[in-house]
């Protein structure tokens, strides 16, 4: 997921995406611990996507608190 794709989403969509990504990380970690996950790099990719979404959400929160810049 590219940062430009994340910035196009609304606040509600970002919140929903955060929840989805957190659940996906949980599932991936569980599968990795039971040796069912072949590509462990998916965990890293999903964590980076989650960080991107949270970063954009935080940027918007800060912008709103400073007067909507």
C-alpha atoms as a PDB file:
ATOM      1  CA  UNK A   1       0.000   0.000   0.000  1.00  0.00           C
ATOM      2  CA  UNK A   2       1.429   3.332  -1.047  1.00  0.00           C
ATOM      3  CA  UNK A   3       1.249   6.451   1.129  1.00  0.00           C
ATOM      4  CA  UNK A   4      -0.701   8.247  -1.600  1.00  0.00           C
ATOM      5  CA  UNK A   5      -3.364   5.519  -1.441  1.00  0.00           C
ATOM      6  CA  UNK A   6      -3.621   5.941   2.317  1.00  0.00           C
ATOM      7  CA  UNK A   7      -3.974   9.720   2.099  1.00  0.00           C
ATOM      8  CA  UNK A   8      -6.972   9.362  -0.226  1.00  0.00           C
ATOM      9  CA  UNK A   9      -8.972   7.534   2.458  1.00  0.00           C
ATOM     10  CA  UNK A  10     -11.333   9.210   4.920  1.00  0.00           C
ATOM     11  CA  UNK A  11     -10.874   9.111   8.675  1.00  0.00           C
ATOM     12  CA  UNK A  12     -13.430   6.329   9.082  1.00  0.00           C
ATOM     13  CA  UNK A  13     -11.777   4.266   6.366  1.00  0.00           C
ATOM     14  CA  UNK A  14      -8.400   4.715   8.077  1.00  0.00           C
ATOM     15  CA  UNK A  15      -9.794   3.537  11.413  1.00  0.00           C
ATOM     16  CA  UNK A  16     -11.312   0.499   9.722  1.00  0.00           C
ATOM     17  CA  UNK A  17      -8.031  -0.244   7.932  1.00  0.00           C
ATOM     18  CA  UNK A  18      -6.072  -0.022  11.208  1.00  0.00           C
ATOM     19  CA  UNK A  19      -8.353  -2.616  12.764  1.00  0.00           C
ATOM     20  CA  UNK A  20      -8.091  -4.893   9.713  1.00  0.00           C
ATOM     21  CA  UNK A  21      -4.300  -4.682   9.628  1.00  0.00           C
ATOM     22  CA  UNK A  22      -3.967  -5.358  13.355  1.00  0.00           C
ATOM     23  CA  UNK A  23      -6.135  -8.461  12.966  1.00  0.00           C
ATOM     24  CA  UNK A  24      -4.104  -9.554   9.943  1.00  0.00           C
ATOM     25  CA  UNK A  25      -0.847  -9.206  11.894  1.00  0.00           C
ATOM     26  CA  UNK A  26      -2.319 -11.337  14.661  1.00  0.00           C
ATOM     27  CA  UNK A  27      -3.334 -14.033  12.180  1.00  0.00           C
ATOM     28  CA  UNK A  28       0.064 -13.966  10.474  1.00  0.00           C
ATOM     29  CA  UNK A  29       1.943 -14.224  13.764  1.00  0.00           C
ATOM     30  CA  UNK A  30      -0.271 -17.097  14.847  1.00  0.00           C
ATOM     31  CA  UNK A  31       0.328 -18.936  11.584  1.00  0.00           C
ATOM     32  CA  UNK A  32       4.068 -18.299  11.862  1.00  0.00           C
ATOM     33  CA  UNK A  33       4.184 -19.706  15.388  1.00  0.00           C
ATOM     34  CA  UNK A  34       2.422 -22.875  14.255  1.00  0.00           C
ATOM     35  CA  UNK A  35       4.761 -23.209  11.262  1.00  0.00           C
ATOM     36  CA  UNK A  36       1.943 -22.736   8.757  1.00  0.00           C
ATOM     37  CA  UNK A  37       3.256 -19.481   7.305  1.00  0.00           C
ATOM     38  CA  UNK A  38       5.627 -19.946   4.391  1.00  0.00           C
ATOM     39  CA  UNK A  39       6.410 -16.291   3.647  1.00  0.00           C
ATOM     40  CA  UNK A  40       7.249 -14.640   6.942  1.00  0.00           C
ATOM     41  CA  UNK A  41       8.015 -11.400   5.084  1.00  0.00           C
ATOM     42  CA  UNK A  42       4.256 -10.817   4.944  1.00  0.00           C
ATOM     43  CA  UNK A  43       4.358  -9.918   8.635  1.00  0.00           C
ATOM     44  CA  UNK A  44       6.890  -7.161   7.976  1.00  0.00           C
ATOM     45  CA  UNK A  45       4.912  -5.821   4.992  1.00  0.00           C
ATOM     46  CA  UNK A  46       1.698  -5.736   6.990  1.00  0.00           C
ATOM     47  CA  UNK A  47       3.394  -3.981   9.911  1.00  0.00           C
ATOM     48  CA  UNK A  48       4.734  -1.318   7.538  1.00  0.00           C
ATOM     49  CA  UNK A  49       1.267  -0.826   6.047  1.00  0.00           C
ATOM     50  CA  UNK A  50      -0.144  -0.426   9.552  1.00  0.00           C
ATOM     51  CA  UNK A  51       2.521   2.151  10.370  1.00  0.00           C
ATOM     52  CA  UNK A  52       1.692   4.111   7.202  1.00  0.00           C
ATOM     53  CA  UNK A  53      -2.009   4.181   8.033  1.00  0.00           C
ATOM     54  CA  UNK A  54      -1.387   5.217  11.637  1.00  0.00           C
ATOM     55  CA  UNK A  55       1.035   7.933  10.511  1.00  0.00           C
ATOM     56  CA  UNK A  56      -1.496   9.496   8.144  1.00  0.00           C
ATOM     57  CA  UNK A  57      -4.211   9.292  10.807  1.00  0.00           C
ATOM     58  CA  UNK A  58      -1.930  11.042  13.298  1.00  0.00           C
ATOM     59  CA  UNK A  59      -0.971  13.726  10.752  1.00  0.00           C
ATOM     60  CA  UNK A  60      -4.640  14.508  10.264  1.00  0.00           C
ATOM     61  CA  UNK A  61      -5.260  14.581  14.009  1.00  0.00           C
ATOM     62  CA  UNK A  62      -2.439  17.078  14.487  1.00  0.00           C
ATOM     63  CA  UNK A  63      -3.628  19.225  11.574  1.00  0.00           C
ATOM     64  CA  UNK A  64      -7.140  19.371  13.032  1.00  0.00           C
ATOM     65  CA  UNK A  65      -5.847  20.396  16.452  1.00  0.00           C
ATOM     66  CA  UNK A  66      -3.803  23.236  14.912  1.00  0.00           C
ATOM     67  CA  UNK A  67      -6.813  24.757  13.249  1.00  0.00           C
ATOM     68  CA  UNK A  68      -7.348  22.683  10.138  1.00  0.00           C
ATOM     69  CA  UNK A  69      -4.200  23.480   8.191  1.00  0.00           C
END
